[in-house]
Amino acid sequence: MHTPITPREHLLYIYNNTLNAVNGRKTVAAYLRQYPYTTPFALIAIGKAATQMTAGAFDVSHISHALLITKYGHLDKSLVQGYPITCLEAAHPVPDASSLAAGQALLYFIKNLPPNYPVLFLISGGASALVEVLAPGISLADLQQVNRWLLASGLDIHAINQIRKSLSAIKGGRLASYLQGHRVLNLLISDVPGDNLQAIGSGLLTSDEFTNIKQHIIARPATARQAACEVAKVYNHDTLIVGDAAQAGRTLAQQLCAAKSGIYIWSSETTVHLPEKPGQGGRCQHLALAAACEWAGRDDVFLLAAGTDGNDGPGEVAGALIDGGTLARGKGLEAQRCLERADAGRFLAASGDLIYTGPTGTNVMDVLIGLKA
């Protein structure tokens, strides 16, 4: 990327560097170079970053056979072409029949492993929806209804995952019981507050009962923020931005107005309580538009709010980059009305402030990068 010359380009430059630092291919390969396997092993990768993570493993290791499960649209076959691998795509964020098929494929793959064979798991965000085996008495319709309610509820990810686990035969560490006798290493990219192993992928392998499973986080939100500090003078905030997205956006906007000149970065996991018929956009767009409402007419403040996985809500939008001119560029739309309808994406599309990256090969929550000129 060329040297940034405007504040908006500067924020995009920092954002791209944070994504590169936590890229699944890069981080998996780095770990396996430092701690190599001495024998062939089987590989199971689940999540939005599964393709990149799998490519990183194949870059440096001898893998006998592999199973890859990722979100529709996130499978880059060119990265794994020619390898002994089965690739599946499944639904996210609401699981469907493809998620159940992926769950059965996962159990079949494990069942057919040679006795005592080593297994490498690669888990990233999205795994909770992408692969599922239903608990007894739970139907697919039940699962989908609960997940739709959870997505609209405004609950945080820990509360959501507690409910998900109650519907599942593999979440909450239950998958570990299928791997008895196998030496398992689980490498994870954290997309949850506190890097809680029980919450990443709803804790598929996190069980106190099985000592054959070792787990290690290879990329986390703090890694992304640190990367930003290495390419610019950045004030790195350890405090996670949580709670209602609109309120968080207004608060950050006010703080940036009062701050001294500089670049500020936060990790974020906010929520949006959706109306019955929500419009376009996700939590980053919602937060960004709320911030823009505080800045109308200013020329000294800028905010990038985006998912590190390249997705912010339904659709292909990663997030938004707003400034004091956003409201004026909204072409007659009412920003407050769009916020009430959870329709920030429509406003930000009109103002030209949306960010598109495509699948990024990682997922370490959302990132917020502010600039006070």
Protein backbone atom coordinates (compact mmCIF):
# COMPACT_ATOMS: atom_id res chain seq x y z
CA MET A 1 0.00 0.00 0.00
CA HIS A 2 1.28 3.49 -0.82
CA THR A 3 2.30 5.88 1.93
CA PRO A 4 -0.88 7.42 3.41
CA ILE A 5 -1.33 11.13 2.79
CA THR A 6 -4.77 11.90 4.27
CA PRO A 7 -6.22 11.06 7.70
CA ARG A 8 -8.66 8.59 6.15
CA GLU A 9 -5.86 6.83 4.25
CA HIS A 10 -3.81 6.76 7.43
CA LEU A 11 -6.54 4.91 9.33
CA LEU A 12 -7.02 2.40 6.50
CA TYR A 13 -3.26 1.82 6.42
CA ILE A 14 -3.21 1.06 10.16
CA TYR A 15 -6.27 -1.20 9.83
CA ASN A 16 -4.64 -3.23 7.04
CA ASN A 17 -1.50 -3.69 9.12
CA THR A 18 -3.49 -4.97 12.08
CA LEU A 19 -5.16 -7.55 9.83
CA ASN A 20 -1.81 -8.71 8.47
CA ALA A 21 -0.39 -9.20 11.97
CA VAL A 22 -3.15 -11.63 12.96
CA ASN A 23 -3.58 -13.39 9.59
CA GLY A 24 -4.36 -17.07 10.09
CA ARG A 25 -1.85 -18.37 7.55
CA LYS A 26 0.97 -16.28 9.01
CA THR A 27 0.27 -17.06 12.68
CA VAL A 28 -0.26 -20.82 12.25
CA ALA A 29 2.92 -21.21 10.17
CA ALA A 30 4.92 -19.20 12.71
CA TYR A 31 3.75 -21.41 15.58
CA LEU A 32 4.42 -24.68 13.76
CA ARG A 33 7.88 -23.53 12.70
CA GLN A 34 8.70 -22.90 16.35
CA TYR A 35 7.04 -26.11 17.59
CA PRO A 36 7.16 -28.53 14.64
CA TYR A 37 5.56 -31.95 14.47
CA THR A 38 8.08 -34.76 13.96
CA THR A 39 5.51 -37.13 12.43
CA PRO A 40 2.55 -36.73 10.03
CA PHE A 41 -0.75 -35.70 11.60
CA ALA A 42 -4.40 -35.10 10.75
CA LEU A 43 -5.83 -31.59 10.63
CA ILE A 44 -9.30 -30.21 11.40
CA ALA A 45 -9.95 -26.50 10.78
CA ILE A 46 -13.24 -24.78 11.65
CA GLY A 47 -14.15 -21.11 11.39
CA LYS A 48 -14.11 -18.05 9.16
CA ALA A 49 -10.30 -18.11 9.03
CA ALA A 50 -10.09 -21.87 8.45
CA THR A 51 -8.78 -21.63 4.88
CA GLN A 52 -5.89 -19.33 5.74
CA MET A 53 -5.06 -21.26 8.91
CA THR A 54 -5.03 -24.54 6.98
CA ALA A 55 -2.75 -23.08 4.33
CA GLY A 56 -0.33 -22.01 7.05
CA ALA A 57 -0.21 -25.53 8.44
CA PHE A 58 0.40 -27.09 5.02
CA ASP A 59 3.11 -24.51 4.34
CA VAL A 60 5.37 -25.96 7.02
CA SER A 61 4.08 -29.42 8.00
CA HIS A 62 3.45 -32.95 6.70
CA ILE A 63 -0.31 -33.46 7.01
CA SER A 64 -1.73 -36.84 6.06
CA HIS A 65 -5.36 -35.75 5.66
CA ALA A 66 -7.50 -32.80 6.63
CA LEU A 67 -11.05 -31.51 7.07
CA LEU A 68 -11.81 -27.81 6.56
CA ILE A 69 -15.17 -26.22 7.50
CA THR A 70 -15.71 -22.54 6.81
CA LYS A 71 -18.37 -19.96 6.07
CA TYR A 72 -19.97 -19.74 2.64
CA GLY A 73 -17.84 -17.36 0.59
CA HIS A 74 -14.73 -17.78 2.76
CA LEU A 75 -13.27 -20.85 1.01
CA ASP A 76 -10.33 -19.93 -1.22
CA LYS A 77 -9.67 -23.24 -2.98
CA SER A 78 -6.50 -21.90 -4.58
CA LEU A 79 -4.81 -21.88 -1.15
CA VAL A 80 -5.43 -25.59 -0.47
CA GLN A 81 -5.56 -27.02 -3.98
CA GLY A 82 -3.72 -30.31 -4.39
CA TYR A 83 -3.64 -31.12 -0.68
CA PRO A 84 -5.30 -34.23 0.89
CA ILE A 85 -8.22 -32.24 2.22
CA THR A 86 -12.02 -32.27 2.35
CA CYS A 87 -13.52 -28.77 2.21
CA LEU A 88 -17.04 -27.90 3.39
CA GLU A 89 -18.91 -24.61 3.53
CA ALA A 90 -21.70 -23.96 6.04
CA ALA A 91 -24.04 -21.22 7.23
CA HIS A 92 -23.25 -18.28 9.49
CA PRO A 93 -24.50 -16.60 11.66
CA VAL A 94 -27.69 -18.71 11.73
CA PRO A 95 -26.89 -22.43 11.36
CA ASP A 96 -28.83 -24.51 8.84
CA ALA A 97 -28.77 -28.03 7.42
CA SER A 98 -25.24 -27.44 6.11
CA SER A 99 -24.08 -26.85 9.70
CA LEU A 100 -25.56 -30.19 10.76
CA ALA A 101 -23.97 -31.90 7.75
CA ALA A 102 -20.64 -30.38 8.76
CA GLY A 103 -21.13 -31.70 12.29
CA GLN A 104 -21.68 -35.22 11.01
CA ALA A 105 -18.67 -34.92 8.69
CA LEU A 106 -16.58 -33.85 11.67
CA LEU A 107 -17.60 -36.87 13.77
CA TYR A 108 -17.06 -39.21 10.79
CA PHE A 109 -13.58 -37.78 10.22
CA ILE A 110 -12.66 -38.28 13.88
CA LYS A 111 -14.16 -41.78 14.01
CA ASN A 112 -12.01 -42.88 11.06
CA LEU A 113 -8.71 -41.62 12.45
CA PRO A 114 -6.09 -44.34 13.02
CA PRO A 115 -5.72 -45.27 16.70
CA ASN A 116 -3.62 -42.82 18.73
CA TYR A 117 -3.08 -40.59 15.69
CA PRO A 118 -2.05 -36.97 16.42
CA VAL A 119 -4.59 -34.30 15.48
CA LEU A 120 -4.16 -30.56 14.98
CA PHE A 121 -7.30 -28.44 15.41
CA LEU A 122 -7.45 -24.88 14.05
CA ILE A 123 -10.37 -22.90 15.49
CA SER A 124 -11.43 -19.35 14.62
CA GLY A 125 -14.54 -17.19 14.97
CA GLY A 126 -17.76 -18.43 13.45
CA ALA A 127 -17.20 -22.05 14.47
CA SER A 128 -20.28 -22.02 16.71
CA ALA A 129 -22.67 -21.66 13.77
CA LEU A 130 -20.67 -23.54 11.15
CA VAL A 131 -20.61 -26.97 12.78
CA GLU A 132 -23.27 -28.50 15.01
CA VAL A 133 -24.52 -31.80 16.37
CA LEU A 134 -27.85 -31.30 18.08
CA ALA A 135 -28.53 -32.36 21.65
CA PRO A 136 -31.29 -34.97 22.09
CA GLY A 137 -34.76 -33.49 21.72
CA ILE A 138 -33.54 -30.38 19.84
CA SER A 139 -34.60 -29.83 16.21
CA LEU A 140 -33.01 -27.67 13.53
CA ALA A 141 -36.02 -25.37 13.72
CA ASP A 142 -35.45 -24.98 17.47
CA LEU A 143 -31.77 -24.21 16.88
CA GLN A 144 -32.51 -21.58 14.23
CA GLN A 145 -35.24 -19.90 16.25
CA VAL A 146 -33.00 -19.58 19.30
CA ASN A 147 -30.08 -18.27 17.24
CA ARG A 148 -32.21 -15.63 15.52
CA TRP A 149 -33.47 -14.49 18.91
CA LEU A 150 -29.92 -14.39 20.30
CA LEU A 151 -28.65 -12.29 17.40
CA ALA A 152 -31.38 -9.71 17.98
CA SER A 153 -31.26 -9.79 21.79
CA GLY A 154 -28.31 -7.54 22.50
CA LEU A 155 -26.79 -10.19 24.81
CA ASP A 156 -23.00 -10.41 25.02
CA ILE A 157 -21.09 -13.33 23.50
CA HIS A 158 -20.59 -15.14 26.82
CA ALA A 159 -24.34 -15.24 27.50
CA ILE A 160 -25.01 -16.27 23.91
CA ASN A 161 -22.55 -19.15 24.07
CA GLN A 162 -23.98 -20.45 27.33
CA ILE A 163 -27.33 -20.85 25.60
CA ARG A 164 -25.76 -22.36 22.47
CA LYS A 165 -23.99 -25.00 24.55
CA SER A 166 -27.28 -26.18 26.04
CA LEU A 167 -28.56 -27.07 22.55
CA SER A 168 -25.44 -28.90 21.40
CA ALA A 169 -23.93 -32.37 21.68
CA ILE A 170 -20.39 -31.13 20.87
CA LYS A 171 -20.04 -27.63 22.34
CA GLY A 172 -18.89 -26.91 25.89
CA GLY A 173 -16.04 -29.43 25.62
CA ARG A 174 -18.27 -32.33 24.58
CA LEU A 175 -16.36 -32.86 21.31
CA ALA A 176 -13.30 -33.80 23.39
CA SER A 177 -14.93 -37.11 24.37
CA TYR A 178 -14.73 -38.25 20.73
CA LEU A 179 -10.94 -37.75 20.71
CA GLN A 180 -9.90 -40.06 23.52
CA GLY A 181 -6.61 -41.75 22.75
CA HIS A 182 -5.46 -39.05 20.33
CA ARG A 183 -2.85 -36.41 21.12
CA VAL A 184 -4.59 -33.15 20.21
CA LEU A 185 -3.23 -29.63 19.81
CA ASN A 186 -5.82 -26.89 19.35
CA LEU A 187 -4.54 -23.58 17.94
CA LEU A 188 -7.05 -20.77 18.21
CA ILE A 189 -7.60 -17.23 16.97
CA SER A 190 -9.50 -15.44 19.72
CA ASP A 191 -12.60 -13.43 18.83
CA VAL A 192 -14.02 -13.13 22.35
CA PRO A 193 -13.51 -10.78 25.30
CA GLY A 194 -10.85 -12.02 27.69
CA ASP A 195 -9.67 -14.70 25.21
CA ASN A 196 -11.81 -17.21 27.11
CA LEU A 197 -11.19 -20.72 25.74
CA GLN A 198 -14.68 -21.78 26.79
CA ALA A 199 -16.16 -19.09 24.55
CA ILE A 200 -14.05 -19.39 21.37
CA GLY A 201 -16.11 -21.62 19.09
CA SER A 202 -18.32 -22.29 22.15
CA GLY A 203 -15.47 -24.28 23.69
CA LEU A 204 -15.58 -27.35 21.43
CA LEU A 205 -12.50 -28.88 23.07
CA THR A 206 -12.41 -27.06 26.42
CA SER A 207 -12.96 -29.79 28.98
CA ASP A 208 -11.31 -30.41 32.34
CA GLU A 209 -11.80 -34.16 31.95
CA PHE A 210 -9.36 -34.76 29.08
CA THR A 211 -5.62 -34.27 29.48
CA ASN A 212 -4.78 -35.35 25.92
CA ILE A 213 -5.81 -31.94 24.56
CA LYS A 214 -3.52 -28.92 24.65
CA GLN A 215 -4.75 -25.47 23.58
CA HIS A 216 -2.88 -22.33 22.59
CA ILE A 217 -4.09 -18.93 21.34
CA ILE A 218 -1.94 -17.77 18.41
CA ALA A 219 -3.68 -14.44 17.68
CA ARG A 220 -5.87 -12.20 19.78
CA PRO A 221 -7.21 -8.63 19.81
CA ALA A 222 -4.16 -7.41 21.73
CA THR A 223 -1.94 -8.70 18.90
CA ALA A 224 -3.79 -6.54 16.41
CA ARG A 225 -3.57 -3.43 18.57
CA GLN A 226 0.15 -3.95 19.12
CA ALA A 227 0.68 -4.19 15.37
CA ALA A 228 -0.96 -0.80 14.97
CA CYS A 229 1.50 0.65 17.48
CA GLU A 230 4.41 -0.62 15.40
CA VAL A 231 3.43 1.32 12.27
CA ALA A 232 2.32 4.57 13.89
CA LYS A 233 2.37 6.40 17.20
CA VAL A 234 -0.84 4.99 18.61
CA TYR A 235 -2.46 5.23 22.02
CA ASN A 236 -3.28 1.58 22.68
CA HIS A 237 -6.32 1.13 24.94
CA ASP A 238 -6.56 -2.17 26.82
CA THR A 239 -10.13 -1.41 27.90
CA LEU A 240 -12.55 -3.38 25.73
CA ILE A 241 -15.43 -1.34 24.27
CA VAL A 242 -18.64 -3.25 25.05
CA GLY A 243 -22.33 -2.57 25.57
CA ASP A 244 -24.79 -0.79 23.31
CA ALA A 245 -23.11 0.15 20.02
CA ALA A 246 -24.84 3.50 19.62
CA GLN A 247 -23.98 4.63 23.14
CA ALA A 248 -20.40 3.44 22.69
CA GLY A 249 -20.15 5.43 19.46
CA ARG A 250 -21.43 8.61 21.09
CA THR A 251 -19.08 8.21 24.07
CA LEU A 252 -16.01 7.60 21.90
CA ALA A 253 -16.89 10.55 19.70
CA GLN A 254 -17.06 12.85 22.72
CA GLN A 255 -13.79 11.47 24.09
CA LEU A 256 -11.98 12.02 20.80
CA CYS A 257 -13.22 15.59 20.60
CA ALA A 258 -11.67 16.26 24.00
CA ALA A 259 -8.47 14.26 23.37
CA LYS A 260 -5.10 15.61 22.39
CA SER A 261 -3.91 15.09 18.82
CA GLY A 262 -3.04 11.50 17.98
CA ILE A 263 -4.26 8.06 16.94
CA TYR A 264 -6.22 5.87 19.34
CA ILE A 265 -7.10 2.19 19.05
CA TRP A 266 -9.52 -0.09 20.91
CA SER A 267 -10.83 -3.63 20.54
CA SER A 268 -14.61 -3.85 20.55
CA GLU A 269 -17.46 -6.29 21.10
CA THR A 270 -20.60 -4.16 21.20
CA THR A 271 -24.22 -5.19 20.80
CA VAL A 272 -27.28 -3.92 18.95
CA HIS A 273 -30.83 -4.67 20.05
CA LEU A 274 -32.60 -5.21 16.74
CA PRO A 275 -36.14 -4.06 15.96
CA GLU A 276 -38.64 -6.51 14.47
CA LYS A 277 -37.64 -5.59 10.91
CA PRO A 278 -34.02 -4.37 10.99
CA GLY A 279 -32.43 -2.60 8.06
CA GLN A 280 -28.88 -2.86 6.73
CA GLY A 281 -25.64 -2.89 8.66
CA GLY A 282 -23.89 -4.36 11.67
CA ARG A 283 -22.66 -3.20 15.04
CA CYS A 284 -19.58 -1.39 13.70
CA GLN A 285 -21.69 0.60 11.24
CA HIS A 286 -24.20 1.34 14.00
CA LEU A 287 -21.42 2.59 16.31
CA ALA A 288 -19.84 4.65 13.53
CA LEU A 289 -23.04 6.41 12.53
CA ALA A 290 -23.80 7.24 16.16
CA ALA A 291 -20.32 8.81 16.41
CA ALA A 292 -20.89 10.76 13.20
CA CYS A 293 -24.01 12.31 14.73
CA GLU A 294 -21.75 13.90 17.36
CA TRP A 295 -19.30 15.31 14.80
CA ALA A 296 -21.38 17.08 12.18
CA GLY A 297 -19.30 19.84 10.57
CA ARG A 298 -16.00 19.05 12.34
CA ASP A 299 -12.85 18.56 10.27
CA ASP A 300 -10.45 17.28 12.94
CA VAL A 301 -11.86 13.89 13.98
CA PHE A 302 -12.07 10.53 12.17
CA LEU A 303 -13.10 7.02 13.23
CA LEU A 304 -12.68 3.62 11.59
CA ALA A 305 -14.89 0.87 13.03
CA ALA A 306 -14.62 -2.54 11.40
CA GLY A 307 -14.68 -6.27 11.95
CA THR A 308 -11.31 -7.96 11.64
CA ASP A 309 -12.95 -10.86 9.79
CA GLY A 310 -14.19 -8.61 6.97
CA ASN A 311 -17.84 -8.97 8.05
CA ASP A 312 -19.98 -6.52 10.00
CA GLY A 313 -23.47 -7.93 10.12
CA PRO A 314 -25.19 -9.51 7.11
CA GLY A 315 -23.65 -8.86 3.71
CA GLU A 316 -20.10 -8.16 2.62
CA VAL A 317 -19.34 -4.92 4.50
CA ALA A 318 -16.39 -4.90 6.92
CA GLY A 319 -17.36 -1.66 8.67
CA ALA A 320 -17.15 2.09 8.14
CA LEU A 321 -14.77 5.06 8.21
CA ILE A 322 -16.57 8.25 9.25
CA ASP A 323 -15.70 11.89 9.86
CA GLY A 324 -17.34 15.24 10.44
CA GLY A 325 -18.69 15.31 6.90
CA THR A 326 -20.51 11.99 7.05
CA LEU A 327 -23.94 13.44 7.93
CA ALA A 328 -23.75 16.01 5.14
CA ARG A 329 -22.88 13.27 2.63
CA GLY A 330 -25.92 11.21 3.65
CA LYS A 331 -28.00 12.50 0.72
CA GLY A 332 -31.11 13.50 2.65
CA LEU A 333 -31.35 10.45 4.90
CA GLU A 334 -32.01 10.99 8.60
CA ALA A 335 -29.17 9.48 10.61
CA GLN A 336 -31.14 9.19 13.85
CA ARG A 337 -34.01 7.48 12.08
CA CYS A 338 -31.58 5.00 10.52
CA LEU A 339 -30.15 4.22 13.95
CA GLU A 340 -33.61 3.57 15.35
CA ARG A 341 -34.30 1.13 12.52
CA ALA A 342 -30.85 -0.56 12.78
CA ASP A 343 -30.31 0.72 9.26
CA ALA A 344 -26.94 2.45 9.61
CA GLY A 345 -25.59 0.59 6.57
CA ARG A 346 -28.05 2.33 4.25
CA PHE A 347 -26.97 5.76 5.48
CA LEU A 348 -23.26 4.95 5.30
CA ALA A 349 -23.63 3.53 1.80
CA ALA A 350 -25.16 6.85 0.74
CA SER A 351 -22.39 8.83 2.45
CA GLY A 352 -19.67 6.70 0.83
CA ASP A 353 -18.17 5.63 4.14
CA LEU A 354 -18.41 1.82 4.01
CA ILE A 355 -15.30 -0.40 4.06
CA TYR A 356 -15.02 -3.61 2.03
CA THR A 357 -12.16 -6.08 2.51
CA GLY A 358 -13.57 -9.51 1.65
CA PRO A 359 -12.60 -12.44 3.90
CA THR A 360 -9.45 -11.46 5.81
CA GLY A 361 -8.21 -14.82 7.06
CA THR A 362 -8.53 -13.83 10.70
CA ASN A 363 -11.07 -12.84 13.36
CA VAL A 364 -10.00 -11.01 16.54
CA MET A 365 -13.22 -9.12 17.33
CA ASP A 366 -13.82 -5.58 16.04
CA VAL A 367 -11.24 -2.82 15.92
CA LEU A 368 -11.88 0.89 16.44
CA ILE A 369 -9.21 3.36 15.29
CA GLY A 370 -9.74 7.05 16.00
CA LEU A 371 -7.74 10.04 14.82
CA LYS A 372 -7.75 13.52 16.36
CA ALA A 373 -5.97 15.91 14.02
